[in-house]
Amino acid sequence: MSATLIAPSVLAADFGNLQRDIEMVNASQADWFHIDIMDGVFVPNISYGMPVLKAIKKSATKPLDVHLMIVDPDRYIDTFAALGADVLTVHYEACTHLHRTLQAIKQAGMKAGVALNPHTPVAVLEAIITEIDLVCLMSVNPGFGGQKFIETTFEKTKQLRALALKHNAQVLIEIDGGVTSNNATELKAAGADVLVAGSFVFGAQDPINTIKDLKTQTQ
């Protein structure tokens, strides 16, 4: 298996020192920036919007993994492409015509991701798994950072890996929520390719070393 990608979640950064935190991720062994866009409708929280993403893109030297926790994401596909998103993930639960949305994301020049809430089974992706570049499994209920990891995620990750193998789908499996050094190794063993870590990284005394440890642990 290849090394797991680590994607620090900017939602947990210090927005009073955002430039410092972006430069920290640039200097670290992290692979992507994970950026949560929340609208206060699909999830109860509101995060940040286009101006902040534009500022991150200006300084970031690593790909932007943008996760839309919003209703009607199709309205903004071209906007996020123009802002420099490399991966654009929409929620299965927020898309009436998922196939059409994924095609639009790809046509705009981005990798297309689909996120599943904790209660949504992976089987819903059976008919479309070969069209997806990344599946993001929410391992906490979406909307807020710093929540406790949902233990059933291990089994769900295995189920998703089996589904991908069944259809020979070249899909990355991303885990988002409550990721720490306590569960990273088991998540990789279950089939995870990308680990999103927010509070665990940005709340650490030494974030660069914390990222390094996660990378070492999941080689």
N, C-alpha and C. Protein backbone atom coordinates (compact mmCIF):
# COMPACT_ATOMS: atom_id res chain seq x y z
N MET A 1 0.84 -1.21 0.00
CA MET A 1 0.00 0.00 0.00
C MET A 1 0.87 1.25 0.00
N SER A 2 0.39 2.28 -0.67
CA SER A 2 1.16 3.53 -0.72
C SER A 2 0.96 4.32 0.58
N ALA A 3 1.84 5.30 0.77
CA ALA A 3 1.76 6.12 1.98
C ALA A 3 0.44 6.88 2.02
N THR A 4 -0.10 7.01 3.20
CA THR A 4 -1.35 7.73 3.39
C THR A 4 -1.12 9.24 3.26
N LEU A 5 -2.06 9.91 2.60
CA LEU A 5 -1.99 11.37 2.49
C LEU A 5 -2.55 12.00 3.76
N ILE A 6 -1.92 13.06 4.22
CA ILE A 6 -2.39 13.78 5.40
C ILE A 6 -2.88 15.16 4.96
N ALA A 7 -4.10 15.49 5.36
CA ALA A 7 -4.72 16.75 4.95
C ALA A 7 -5.18 17.53 6.19
N PRO A 8 -4.34 18.43 6.70
CA PRO A 8 -4.76 19.25 7.85
C PRO A 8 -6.00 20.08 7.51
N SER A 9 -6.95 20.09 8.43
CA SER A 9 -8.21 20.81 8.22
C SER A 9 -8.10 22.24 8.71
N VAL A 10 -8.18 23.17 7.77
CA VAL A 10 -7.97 24.60 8.06
C VAL A 10 -9.03 25.15 9.02
N LEU A 11 -10.17 24.47 9.12
CA LEU A 11 -11.22 24.91 10.05
C LEU A 11 -10.69 25.02 11.48
N ALA A 12 -9.67 24.20 11.80
CA ALA A 12 -9.11 24.19 13.16
C ALA A 12 -7.93 25.15 13.32
N ALA A 13 -7.58 25.87 12.26
CA ALA A 13 -6.45 26.81 12.33
C ALA A 13 -6.82 28.03 13.17
N ASP A 14 -5.82 28.83 13.48
CA ASP A 14 -6.02 30.09 14.20
C ASP A 14 -6.22 31.18 13.16
N PHE A 15 -7.46 31.66 13.02
CA PHE A 15 -7.75 32.62 11.95
C PHE A 15 -7.19 34.01 12.23
N GLY A 16 -6.72 34.22 13.44
CA GLY A 16 -6.00 35.46 13.74
C GLY A 16 -4.56 35.39 13.25
N ASN A 17 -4.11 34.16 12.99
CA ASN A 17 -2.74 33.92 12.50
C ASN A 17 -2.78 32.94 11.32
N LEU A 18 -3.72 33.19 10.41
CA LEU A 18 -3.94 32.24 9.32
C LEU A 18 -2.71 32.07 8.43
N GLN A 19 -2.05 33.18 8.12
CA GLN A 19 -0.86 33.12 7.27
C GLN A 19 0.21 32.22 7.91
N ARG A 20 0.39 32.37 9.22
CA ARG A 20 1.37 31.55 9.94
C ARG A 20 1.02 30.07 9.83
N ASP A 21 -0.27 29.76 10.00
CA ASP A 21 -0.69 28.36 9.97
C ASP A 21 -0.59 27.77 8.56
N ILE A 22 -0.88 28.58 7.54
CA ILE A 22 -0.72 28.11 6.15
C ILE A 22 0.75 27.80 5.88
N GLU A 23 1.62 28.69 6.31
CA GLU A 23 3.06 28.48 6.11
C GLU A 23 3.56 27.25 6.87
N MET A 24 2.95 26.99 8.03
CA MET A 24 3.31 25.79 8.79
C MET A 24 2.97 24.54 7.98
N VAL A 25 1.77 24.50 7.40
CA VAL A 25 1.37 23.34 6.60
C VAL A 25 2.27 23.21 5.37
N ASN A 26 2.59 24.34 4.74
CA ASN A 26 3.50 24.34 3.58
C ASN A 26 4.84 23.69 3.93
N ALA A 27 5.34 24.01 5.13
CA ALA A 27 6.66 23.54 5.55
C ALA A 27 6.64 22.10 6.08
N SER A 28 5.46 21.57 6.32
CA SER A 28 5.33 20.25 6.94
C SER A 28 5.31 19.14 5.88
N GLN A 29 5.15 17.91 6.36
CA GLN A 29 5.02 16.76 5.46
C GLN A 29 3.58 16.52 5.03
N ALA A 30 2.68 17.45 5.35
CA ALA A 30 1.28 17.32 4.92
C ALA A 30 1.21 17.31 3.40
N ASP A 31 0.17 16.68 2.87
CA ASP A 31 0.03 16.55 1.42
C ASP A 31 -0.97 17.53 0.83
N TRP A 32 -2.06 17.78 1.54
CA TRP A 32 -3.13 18.66 1.06
C TRP A 32 -3.55 19.62 2.17
N PHE A 33 -4.23 20.68 1.77
CA PHE A 33 -5.02 21.50 2.70
C PHE A 33 -6.46 21.03 2.57
N HIS A 34 -7.11 20.73 3.69
CA HIS A 34 -8.54 20.38 3.67
C HIS A 34 -9.33 21.60 4.11
N ILE A 35 -10.27 22.02 3.26
CA ILE A 35 -10.97 23.28 3.49
C ILE A 35 -12.48 23.03 3.52
N ASP A 36 -13.10 23.25 4.67
CA ASP A 36 -14.53 23.02 4.85
C ASP A 36 -15.33 24.29 4.59
N ILE A 37 -16.26 24.21 3.66
CA ILE A 37 -17.16 25.33 3.38
C ILE A 37 -18.54 24.94 3.90
N MET A 38 -19.05 25.68 4.89
CA MET A 38 -20.34 25.37 5.54
C MET A 38 -21.30 26.54 5.40
N ASP A 39 -22.57 26.23 5.15
CA ASP A 39 -23.53 27.29 4.85
C ASP A 39 -24.54 27.59 5.96
N GLY A 40 -24.48 26.84 7.07
CA GLY A 40 -25.46 27.07 8.14
C GLY A 40 -26.83 26.49 7.83
N VAL A 41 -26.95 25.80 6.68
CA VAL A 41 -28.22 25.18 6.29
C VAL A 41 -28.05 23.66 6.24
N PHE A 42 -27.13 23.20 5.41
CA PHE A 42 -26.86 21.75 5.34
C PHE A 42 -26.28 21.26 6.66
N VAL A 43 -25.43 22.08 7.27
CA VAL A 43 -24.91 21.82 8.62
C VAL A 43 -25.21 23.05 9.47
N PRO A 44 -25.28 22.90 10.80
CA PRO A 44 -25.68 24.03 11.64
C PRO A 44 -24.66 25.16 11.72
N ASN A 45 -23.42 24.88 11.36
CA ASN A 45 -22.36 25.87 11.51
C ASN A 45 -22.13 26.64 10.21
N ILE A 46 -21.54 27.82 10.32
CA ILE A 46 -21.08 28.59 9.16
C ILE A 46 -19.57 28.72 9.32
N SER A 47 -18.81 28.40 8.28
CA SER A 47 -17.35 28.45 8.42
C SER A 47 -16.79 29.71 7.79
N TYR A 48 -16.42 29.66 6.54
CA TYR A 48 -15.84 30.80 5.83
C TYR A 48 -16.17 30.63 4.36
N GLY A 49 -15.96 31.69 3.59
CA GLY A 49 -16.35 31.64 2.19
C GLY A 49 -15.23 31.95 1.23
N MET A 50 -15.60 32.51 0.10
CA MET A 50 -14.68 32.69 -1.01
C MET A 50 -13.46 33.58 -0.70
N PRO A 51 -13.61 34.70 0.00
CA PRO A 51 -12.42 35.54 0.26
C PRO A 51 -11.34 34.81 1.05
N VAL A 52 -11.75 33.99 2.02
CA VAL A 52 -10.77 33.24 2.82
C VAL A 52 -10.10 32.17 1.95
N LEU A 53 -10.89 31.49 1.12
CA LEU A 53 -10.32 30.47 0.23
C LEU A 53 -9.30 31.12 -0.72
N LYS A 54 -9.65 32.29 -1.21
CA LYS A 54 -8.75 33.03 -2.11
C LYS A 54 -7.42 33.34 -1.41
N ALA A 55 -7.51 33.74 -0.15
CA ALA A 55 -6.30 34.07 0.63
C ALA A 55 -5.45 32.82 0.87
N ILE A 56 -6.12 31.69 1.15
CA ILE A 56 -5.39 30.44 1.37
C ILE A 56 -4.67 30.03 0.09
N LYS A 57 -5.38 30.10 -1.04
CA LYS A 57 -4.81 29.69 -2.33
C LYS A 57 -3.57 30.51 -2.67
N LYS A 58 -3.61 31.79 -2.32
CA LYS A 58 -2.50 32.69 -2.63
C LYS A 58 -1.19 32.23 -1.98
N SER A 59 -1.30 31.67 -0.79
CA SER A 59 -0.10 31.29 -0.02
C SER A 59 0.19 29.79 -0.02
N ALA A 60 -0.82 28.98 -0.29
CA ALA A 60 -0.65 27.52 -0.19
C ALA A 60 0.24 26.99 -1.31
N THR A 61 1.12 26.05 -0.95
CA THR A 61 1.98 25.41 -1.95
C THR A 61 1.59 23.95 -2.15
N LYS A 62 0.45 23.57 -1.57
CA LYS A 62 -0.03 22.19 -1.69
C LYS A 62 -1.48 22.21 -2.20
N PRO A 63 -1.96 21.11 -2.77
CA PRO A 63 -3.31 21.08 -3.33
C PRO A 63 -4.39 21.42 -2.30
N LEU A 64 -5.47 22.04 -2.80
CA LEU A 64 -6.61 22.40 -1.95
C LEU A 64 -7.71 21.37 -2.13
N ASP A 65 -8.06 20.72 -1.04
CA ASP A 65 -9.09 19.69 -0.97
C ASP A 65 -10.31 20.38 -0.35
N VAL A 66 -11.25 20.81 -1.19
CA VAL A 66 -12.37 21.63 -0.73
C VAL A 66 -13.61 20.76 -0.52
N HIS A 67 -14.16 20.83 0.67
CA HIS A 67 -15.29 20.00 1.10
C HIS A 67 -16.51 20.90 1.29
N LEU A 68 -17.48 20.76 0.39
CA LEU A 68 -18.68 21.60 0.45
C LEU A 68 -19.76 20.96 1.31
N MET A 69 -20.00 21.54 2.48
CA MET A 69 -21.11 21.11 3.34
C MET A 69 -22.22 22.13 3.16
N ILE A 70 -22.76 22.14 1.94
CA ILE A 70 -23.76 23.16 1.58
C ILE A 70 -24.89 22.53 0.77
N VAL A 71 -26.04 23.20 0.77
CA VAL A 71 -27.14 22.76 -0.08
C VAL A 71 -26.89 23.29 -1.50
N ASP A 72 -27.41 22.59 -2.49
CA ASP A 72 -27.33 23.00 -3.89
C ASP A 72 -25.91 23.41 -4.31
N PRO A 73 -24.95 22.50 -4.16
CA PRO A 73 -23.55 22.86 -4.46
C PRO A 73 -23.28 23.20 -5.92
N ASP A 74 -24.16 22.74 -6.82
CA ASP A 74 -23.96 23.00 -8.26
C ASP A 74 -23.81 24.48 -8.57
N ARG A 75 -24.43 25.33 -7.77
CA ARG A 75 -24.37 26.78 -7.99
C ARG A 75 -22.95 27.31 -7.96
N TYR A 76 -22.07 26.63 -7.24
CA TYR A 76 -20.74 27.19 -6.96
C TYR A 76 -19.58 26.42 -7.58
N ILE A 77 -19.86 25.42 -8.40
CA ILE A 77 -18.78 24.59 -8.96
C ILE A 77 -17.76 25.43 -9.72
N ASP A 78 -18.24 26.27 -10.63
CA ASP A 78 -17.32 27.09 -11.43
C ASP A 78 -16.57 28.10 -10.56
N THR A 79 -17.23 28.60 -9.53
CA THR A 79 -16.59 29.56 -8.62
C THR A 79 -15.41 28.92 -7.91
N PHE A 80 -15.60 27.70 -7.40
CA PHE A 80 -14.51 27.03 -6.68
C PHE A 80 -13.40 26.60 -7.63
N ALA A 81 -13.74 26.28 -8.85
CA ALA A 81 -12.71 25.98 -9.85
C ALA A 81 -11.85 27.22 -10.09
N ALA A 82 -12.50 28.36 -10.24
CA ALA A 82 -11.79 29.62 -10.48
C ALA A 82 -10.92 30.02 -9.29
N LEU A 83 -11.35 29.63 -8.09
CA LEU A 83 -10.59 29.96 -6.88
C LEU A 83 -9.41 29.02 -6.65
N GLY A 84 -9.33 27.96 -7.45
CA GLY A 84 -8.15 27.10 -7.38
C GLY A 84 -8.30 25.80 -6.62
N ALA A 85 -9.55 25.35 -6.40
CA ALA A 85 -9.73 24.04 -5.74
C ALA A 85 -9.20 22.93 -6.64
N ASP A 86 -8.48 21.99 -6.06
CA ASP A 86 -7.96 20.85 -6.82
C ASP A 86 -8.91 19.66 -6.74
N VAL A 87 -9.46 19.45 -5.55
CA VAL A 87 -10.48 18.42 -5.32
C VAL A 87 -11.71 19.15 -4.80
N LEU A 88 -12.88 18.83 -5.36
CA LEU A 88 -14.13 19.43 -4.87
C LEU A 88 -15.06 18.30 -4.46
N THR A 89 -15.39 18.26 -3.17
CA THR A 89 -16.23 17.20 -2.62
C THR A 89 -17.60 17.75 -2.25
N VAL A 90 -18.63 17.07 -2.74
CA VAL A 90 -20.02 17.43 -2.41
C VAL A 90 -20.62 16.31 -1.57
N HIS A 91 -21.66 16.63 -0.83
CA HIS A 91 -22.31 15.60 -0.02
C HIS A 91 -23.36 14.86 -0.84
N TYR A 92 -23.33 13.54 -0.72
CA TYR A 92 -24.35 12.70 -1.35
C TYR A 92 -25.74 13.19 -0.94
N GLU A 93 -25.86 13.54 0.34
CA GLU A 93 -27.17 13.92 0.90
C GLU A 93 -27.66 15.27 0.37
N ALA A 94 -26.77 16.05 -0.26
CA ALA A 94 -27.14 17.40 -0.72
C ALA A 94 -27.35 17.46 -2.23
N CYS A 95 -27.17 16.32 -2.92
CA CYS A 95 -27.23 16.33 -4.39
C CYS A 95 -28.41 15.51 -4.90
N THR A 96 -29.30 16.18 -5.61
CA THR A 96 -30.45 15.50 -6.20
C THR A 96 -30.02 14.69 -7.42
N HIS A 97 -29.10 15.26 -8.20
CA HIS A 97 -28.60 14.61 -9.41
C HIS A 97 -27.08 14.46 -9.29
N LEU A 98 -26.66 13.47 -8.51
CA LEU A 98 -25.24 13.34 -8.17
C LEU A 98 -24.35 13.14 -9.40
N HIS A 99 -24.78 12.30 -10.32
CA HIS A 99 -23.97 12.04 -11.51
C HIS A 99 -23.72 13.33 -12.28
N ARG A 100 -24.74 14.12 -12.46
CA ARG A 100 -24.62 15.40 -13.18
C ARG A 100 -23.65 16.34 -12.45
N THR A 101 -23.75 16.37 -11.14
CA THR A 101 -22.87 17.23 -10.34
C THR A 101 -21.41 16.80 -10.49
N LEU A 102 -21.16 15.50 -10.42
CA LEU A 102 -19.79 14.99 -10.56
C LEU A 102 -19.21 15.31 -11.93
N GLN A 103 -20.03 15.16 -12.96
CA GLN A 103 -19.57 15.49 -14.32
C GLN A 103 -19.22 16.97 -14.43
N ALA A 104 -20.03 17.82 -13.82
CA ALA A 104 -19.77 19.27 -13.86
C ALA A 104 -18.46 19.61 -13.15
N ILE A 105 -18.18 18.93 -12.03
CA ILE A 105 -16.93 19.17 -11.30
C ILE A 105 -15.73 18.79 -12.17
N LYS A 106 -15.82 17.64 -12.81
CA LYS A 106 -14.72 17.18 -13.67
C LYS A 106 -14.54 18.10 -14.88
N GLN A 107 -15.65 18.52 -15.47
CA GLN A 107 -15.57 19.41 -16.63
C GLN A 107 -14.95 20.75 -16.26
N ALA A 108 -15.08 21.13 -14.99
CA ALA A 108 -14.48 22.39 -14.52
C ALA A 108 -12.99 22.21 -14.19
N GLY A 109 -12.47 20.98 -14.35
CA GLY A 109 -11.04 20.74 -14.19
C GLY A 109 -10.59 20.28 -12.82
N MET A 110 -11.55 19.86 -11.99
CA MET A 110 -11.21 19.41 -10.63
C MET A 110 -11.45 17.91 -10.48
N LYS A 111 -10.83 17.31 -9.45
CA LYS A 111 -11.17 15.95 -9.07
C LYS A 111 -12.51 16.00 -8.34
N ALA A 112 -13.34 14.98 -8.55
CA ALA A 112 -14.69 14.98 -7.99
C ALA A 112 -14.79 14.05 -6.79
N GLY A 113 -15.21 14.61 -5.66
CA GLY A 113 -15.37 13.83 -4.44
C GLY A 113 -16.82 13.79 -3.98
N VAL A 114 -17.16 12.72 -3.25
CA VAL A 114 -18.49 12.59 -2.64
C VAL A 114 -18.29 12.28 -1.16
N ALA A 115 -18.96 13.03 -0.30
CA ALA A 115 -18.91 12.80 1.14
C ALA A 115 -20.18 12.10 1.60
N LEU A 116 -20.01 11.20 2.56
CA LEU A 116 -21.15 10.50 3.18
C LEU A 116 -21.20 10.82 4.66
N ASN A 117 -22.37 11.22 5.14
CA ASN A 117 -22.57 11.42 6.57
C ASN A 117 -22.47 10.07 7.29
N PRO A 118 -22.24 10.09 8.61
CA PRO A 118 -22.05 8.83 9.35
C PRO A 118 -23.19 7.83 9.18
N HIS A 119 -24.42 8.31 9.04
CA HIS A 119 -25.56 7.38 8.96
C HIS A 119 -25.84 6.89 7.54
N THR A 120 -25.13 7.41 6.53
CA THR A 120 -25.39 7.03 5.14
C THR A 120 -24.53 5.83 4.76
N PRO A 121 -25.15 4.71 4.33
CA PRO A 121 -24.37 3.51 4.00
C PRO A 121 -23.59 3.67 2.70
N VAL A 122 -22.46 2.98 2.59
CA VAL A 122 -21.64 3.09 1.38
C VAL A 122 -22.35 2.50 0.16
N ALA A 123 -23.32 1.62 0.38
CA ALA A 123 -24.03 0.97 -0.73
C ALA A 123 -24.71 1.98 -1.66
N VAL A 124 -25.00 3.18 -1.17
CA VAL A 124 -25.66 4.18 -2.03
C VAL A 124 -24.78 4.59 -3.21
N LEU A 125 -23.48 4.29 -3.12
CA LEU A 125 -22.55 4.69 -4.19
C LEU A 125 -22.31 3.58 -5.21
N GLU A 126 -22.96 2.44 -5.03
CA GLU A 126 -22.70 1.27 -5.89
C GLU A 126 -22.78 1.61 -7.38
N ALA A 127 -23.81 2.33 -7.79
CA ALA A 127 -24.02 2.58 -9.22
C ALA A 127 -23.11 3.67 -9.78
N ILE A 128 -22.41 4.38 -8.91
CA ILE A 128 -21.66 5.55 -9.37
C ILE A 128 -20.20 5.56 -8.94
N ILE A 129 -19.76 4.53 -8.24
CA ILE A 129 -18.42 4.50 -7.64
C ILE A 129 -17.31 4.71 -8.68
N THR A 130 -17.51 4.23 -9.90
CA THR A 130 -16.46 4.36 -10.93
C THR A 130 -16.35 5.79 -11.46
N GLU A 131 -17.30 6.64 -11.13
CA GLU A 131 -17.28 8.04 -11.59
C GLU A 131 -16.63 8.97 -10.56
N ILE A 132 -16.29 8.42 -9.40
CA ILE A 132 -15.84 9.25 -8.27
C ILE A 132 -14.32 9.14 -8.11
N ASP A 133 -13.67 10.27 -7.87
CA ASP A 133 -12.22 10.27 -7.62
C ASP A 133 -11.89 10.07 -6.14
N LEU A 134 -12.78 10.54 -5.27
CA LEU A 134 -12.54 10.47 -3.82
C LEU A 134 -13.86 10.32 -3.09
N VAL A 135 -13.89 9.44 -2.10
CA VAL A 135 -15.05 9.35 -1.20
C VAL A 135 -14.59 9.76 0.19
N CYS A 136 -15.28 10.74 0.75
CA CYS A 136 -14.97 11.24 2.09
C CYS A 136 -15.99 10.66 3.07
N LEU A 137 -15.51 9.81 3.96
CA LEU A 137 -16.39 9.27 5.00
C LEU A 137 -16.32 10.17 6.22
N MET A 138 -17.45 10.74 6.60
CA MET A 138 -17.50 11.56 7.81
C MET A 138 -17.45 10.63 9.01
N SER A 139 -16.44 10.83 9.84
CA SER A 139 -16.29 9.99 11.04
C SER A 139 -16.72 10.74 12.30
N VAL A 140 -17.34 11.90 12.08
CA VAL A 140 -18.09 12.64 13.11
C VAL A 140 -19.31 13.20 12.40
N ASN A 141 -20.31 13.66 13.14
CA ASN A 141 -21.43 14.32 12.49
C ASN A 141 -20.96 15.70 12.04
N PRO A 142 -21.16 16.03 10.75
CA PRO A 142 -20.53 17.23 10.19
C PRO A 142 -21.08 18.53 10.74
N GLY A 143 -20.21 19.52 10.76
CA GLY A 143 -20.64 20.86 11.16
C GLY A 143 -19.73 21.54 12.15
N PHE A 144 -19.04 20.76 12.98
CA PHE A 144 -18.17 21.34 14.00
C PHE A 144 -16.87 20.54 14.10
N GLY A 145 -15.78 21.23 14.41
CA GLY A 145 -14.51 20.55 14.62
C GLY A 145 -14.41 20.02 16.04
N GLY A 146 -13.41 19.18 16.28
CA GLY A 146 -13.11 18.72 17.64
C GLY A 146 -14.03 17.68 18.22
N GLN A 147 -14.81 16.99 17.36
CA GLN A 147 -15.74 15.99 17.88
C GLN A 147 -15.08 14.61 18.02
N LYS A 148 -15.77 13.74 18.77
CA LYS A 148 -15.25 12.39 19.02
C LYS A 148 -15.47 11.49 17.80
N PHE A 149 -14.47 10.72 17.50
CA PHE A 149 -14.46 9.78 16.38
C PHE A 149 -15.54 8.71 16.55
N ILE A 150 -16.29 8.42 15.49
CA ILE A 150 -17.33 7.39 15.52
C ILE A 150 -16.69 6.04 15.14
N GLU A 151 -16.71 5.10 16.07
CA GLU A 151 -15.95 3.85 15.94
C GLU A 151 -16.40 2.97 14.76
N THR A 152 -17.67 3.07 14.35
CA THR A 152 -18.15 2.24 13.24
C THR A 152 -17.49 2.62 11.91
N THR A 153 -16.72 3.71 11.91
CA THR A 153 -16.04 4.16 10.68
C THR A 153 -15.05 3.11 10.17
N PHE A 154 -14.44 2.35 11.07
CA PHE A 154 -13.48 1.32 10.63
C PHE A 154 -14.16 0.32 9.70
N GLU A 155 -15.31 -0.19 10.13
CA GLU A 155 -16.05 -1.17 9.34
C GLU A 155 -16.56 -0.54 8.04
N LYS A 156 -17.00 0.69 8.13
CA LYS A 156 -17.51 1.40 6.94
C LYS A 156 -16.40 1.59 5.90
N THR A 157 -15.20 1.87 6.38
CA THR A 157 -14.04 2.03 5.49
C THR A 157 -13.75 0.72 4.77
N LYS A 158 -13.81 -0.39 5.50
CA LYS A 158 -13.59 -1.71 4.89
C LYS A 158 -14.66 -2.00 3.83
N GLN A 159 -15.91 -1.65 4.14
CA GLN A 159 -17.00 -1.88 3.19
C GLN A 159 -16.80 -1.06 1.91
N LEU A 160 -16.34 0.18 2.08
CA LEU A 160 -16.11 1.04 0.92
C LEU A 160 -14.95 0.52 0.08
N ARG A 161 -13.89 0.07 0.74
CA ARG A 161 -12.74 -0.50 0.01
C ARG A 161 -13.19 -1.73 -0.78
N ALA A 162 -14.02 -2.57 -0.18
CA ALA A 162 -14.53 -3.76 -0.87
C ALA A 162 -15.38 -3.37 -2.08
N LEU A 163 -16.20 -2.34 -1.93
CA LEU A 163 -17.04 -1.86 -3.03
C LEU A 163 -16.18 -1.34 -4.18
N ALA A 164 -15.14 -0.61 -3.85
CA ALA A 164 -14.23 -0.08 -4.87
C ALA A 164 -13.53 -1.22 -5.62
N LEU A 165 -13.07 -2.22 -4.87
CA LEU A 165 -12.40 -3.37 -5.49
C LEU A 165 -13.35 -4.15 -6.38
N LYS A 166 -14.58 -4.31 -5.93
CA LYS A 166 -15.60 -5.05 -6.69
C LYS A 166 -15.80 -4.44 -8.07
N HIS A 167 -15.76 -3.10 -8.13
CA HIS A 167 -16.01 -2.39 -9.39
C HIS A 167 -14.72 -1.89 -10.05
N ASN A 168 -13.58 -2.31 -9.49
CA ASN A 168 -12.27 -1.87 -10.00
C ASN A 168 -12.21 -0.34 -10.10
N ALA A 169 -12.72 0.32 -9.09
CA ALA A 169 -12.79 1.79 -9.08
C ALA A 169 -11.51 2.38 -8.50
N GLN A 170 -10.93 3.32 -9.21
CA GLN A 170 -9.72 4.01 -8.74
C GLN A 170 -10.13 5.20 -7.88
N VAL A 171 -10.54 4.92 -6.68
CA VAL A 171 -11.09 5.96 -5.81
C VAL A 171 -10.25 6.06 -4.53
N LEU A 172 -10.00 7.29 -4.12
CA LEU A 172 -9.32 7.52 -2.84
C LEU A 172 -10.35 7.54 -1.72
N ILE A 173 -10.03 6.90 -0.60
CA ILE A 173 -10.93 6.92 0.56
C ILE A 173 -10.35 7.88 1.60
N GLU A 174 -11.15 8.89 1.92
CA GLU A 174 -10.72 9.92 2.87
C GLU A 174 -11.56 9.82 4.14
N ILE A 175 -10.92 9.97 5.28
CA ILE A 175 -11.61 9.94 6.58
C ILE A 175 -11.53 11.33 7.19
N ASP A 176 -12.68 11.85 7.58
CA ASP A 176 -12.76 13.23 8.05
C ASP A 176 -13.49 13.31 9.39
N GLY A 177 -12.72 13.61 10.45
CA GLY A 177 -13.34 13.83 11.76
C GLY A 177 -12.75 12.97 12.85
N GLY A 178 -12.19 13.60 13.86
CA GLY A 178 -11.69 12.87 15.02
C GLY A 178 -10.47 12.01 14.77
N VAL A 179 -9.73 12.30 13.68
CA VAL A 179 -8.53 11.52 13.37
C VAL A 179 -7.38 11.94 14.29
N THR A 180 -6.74 10.95 14.92
CA THR A 180 -5.58 11.19 15.79
C THR A 180 -4.59 10.05 15.59
N SER A 181 -3.48 10.11 16.31
CA SER A 181 -2.50 9.02 16.25
C SER A 181 -3.07 7.73 16.84
N ASN A 182 -4.15 7.83 17.60
CA ASN A 182 -4.77 6.64 18.22
C ASN A 182 -5.52 5.77 17.22
N ASN A 183 -6.00 6.38 16.11
CA ASN A 183 -6.79 5.59 15.15
C ASN A 183 -6.22 5.59 13.73
N ALA A 184 -5.16 6.36 13.49
CA ALA A 184 -4.62 6.50 12.13
C ALA A 184 -4.16 5.17 11.53
N THR A 185 -3.44 4.38 12.31
CA THR A 185 -2.91 3.10 11.81
C THR A 185 -4.04 2.15 11.45
N GLU A 186 -5.05 2.08 12.32
CA GLU A 186 -6.18 1.17 12.06
C GLU A 186 -6.99 1.64 10.86
N LEU A 187 -7.09 2.96 10.66
CA LEU A 187 -7.82 3.49 9.50
C LEU A 187 -7.09 3.13 8.21
N LYS A 188 -5.78 3.25 8.22
CA LYS A 188 -5.00 2.86 7.03
C LYS A 188 -5.20 1.37 6.75
N ALA A 189 -5.14 0.55 7.79
CA ALA A 189 -5.31 -0.90 7.62
C ALA A 189 -6.69 -1.23 7.07
N ALA A 190 -7.69 -0.42 7.41
CA ALA A 190 -9.06 -0.64 6.93
C ALA A 190 -9.23 -0.23 5.47
N GLY A 191 -8.27 0.57 4.96
CA GLY A 191 -8.35 0.97 3.55
C GLY A 191 -8.32 2.45 3.27
N ALA A 192 -8.07 3.27 4.30
CA ALA A 192 -8.06 4.73 4.10
C ALA A 192 -6.81 5.17 3.34
N ASP A 193 -6.99 6.13 2.42
CA ASP A 193 -5.89 6.70 1.64
C ASP A 193 -5.53 8.11 2.09
N VAL A 194 -6.53 8.82 2.63
CA VAL A 194 -6.34 10.22 3.03
C VAL A 194 -6.93 10.41 4.42
N LEU A 195 -6.17 11.02 5.31
CA LEU A 195 -6.66 11.32 6.66
C LEU A 195 -6.71 12.82 6.86
N VAL A 196 -7.90 13.32 7.20
CA VAL A 196 -8.08 14.73 7.52
C VAL A 196 -7.92 14.89 9.02
N ALA A 197 -7.02 15.77 9.43
CA ALA A 197 -6.80 16.00 10.87
C ALA A 197 -6.85 17.49 11.14
N GLY A 198 -7.74 17.88 12.05
CA GLY A 198 -7.92 19.29 12.36
C GLY A 198 -7.36 19.67 13.71
N SER A 199 -8.17 19.51 14.75
CA SER A 199 -7.78 19.88 16.11
C SER A 199 -6.51 19.15 16.55
N PHE A 200 -6.37 17.89 16.11
CA PHE A 200 -5.20 17.10 16.52
C PHE A 200 -3.89 17.74 16.02
N VAL A 201 -3.95 18.37 14.85
CA VAL A 201 -2.76 19.04 14.30
C VAL A 201 -2.63 20.45 14.83
N PHE A 202 -3.66 21.27 14.61
CA PHE A 202 -3.55 22.69 14.94
C PHE A 202 -3.58 22.97 16.44
N GLY A 203 -4.09 22.00 17.22
CA GLY A 203 -4.11 22.17 18.67
C GLY A 203 -2.87 21.62 19.34
N ALA A 204 -1.97 21.04 18.55
CA ALA A 204 -0.76 20.43 19.11
C ALA A 204 0.28 21.49 19.47
N GLN A 205 1.15 21.15 20.42
CA GLN A 205 2.26 22.03 20.79
C GLN A 205 3.21 22.22 19.61
N ASP A 206 3.40 21.13 18.86
CA ASP A 206 4.32 21.13 17.72
C ASP A 206 3.60 20.52 16.51
N PRO A 207 2.82 21.33 15.78
CA PRO A 207 2.03 20.80 14.67
C PRO A 207 2.85 20.12 13.58
N ILE A 208 4.03 20.67 13.26
CA ILE A 208 4.85 20.07 12.20
C ILE A 208 5.27 18.65 12.58
N ASN A 209 5.66 18.46 13.84
CA ASN A 209 6.04 17.12 14.29
C ASN A 209 4.85 16.19 14.38
N THR A 210 3.69 16.74 14.73
CA THR A 210 2.47 15.94 14.80
C THR A 210 2.12 15.39 13.42
N ILE A 211 2.24 16.24 12.40
CA ILE A 211 2.00 15.80 11.01
C ILE A 211 3.02 14.75 10.61
N LYS A 212 4.28 15.00 10.97
CA LYS A 212 5.35 14.04 10.65
C LYS A 212 5.07 12.68 11.29
N ASP A 213 4.62 12.70 12.54
CA ASP A 213 4.31 11.44 13.24
C ASP A 213 3.17 10.69 12.56
N LEU A 214 2.13 11.43 12.12
CA LEU A 214 1.01 10.80 11.41
C LEU A 214 1.49 10.16 10.11
N LYS A 215 2.37 10.87 9.40
CA LYS A 215 2.92 10.34 8.14
C LYS A 215 3.73 9.07 8.40
N THR A 216 4.59 9.13 9.41
CA THR A 216 5.46 7.99 9.74
C THR A 216 4.62 6.78 10.13
N GLN A 217 3.59 7.05 10.92
CA GLN A 217 2.71 6.00 11.44
C GLN A 217 1.94 5.29 10.32
N THR A 218 1.68 6.00 9.22
CA THR A 218 0.81 5.46 8.17
C THR A 218 1.55 5.21 6.86
N GLN A 219 2.87 5.01 6.95
CA GLN A 219 3.65 4.70 5.73
C GLN A 219 3.25 3.35 5.18
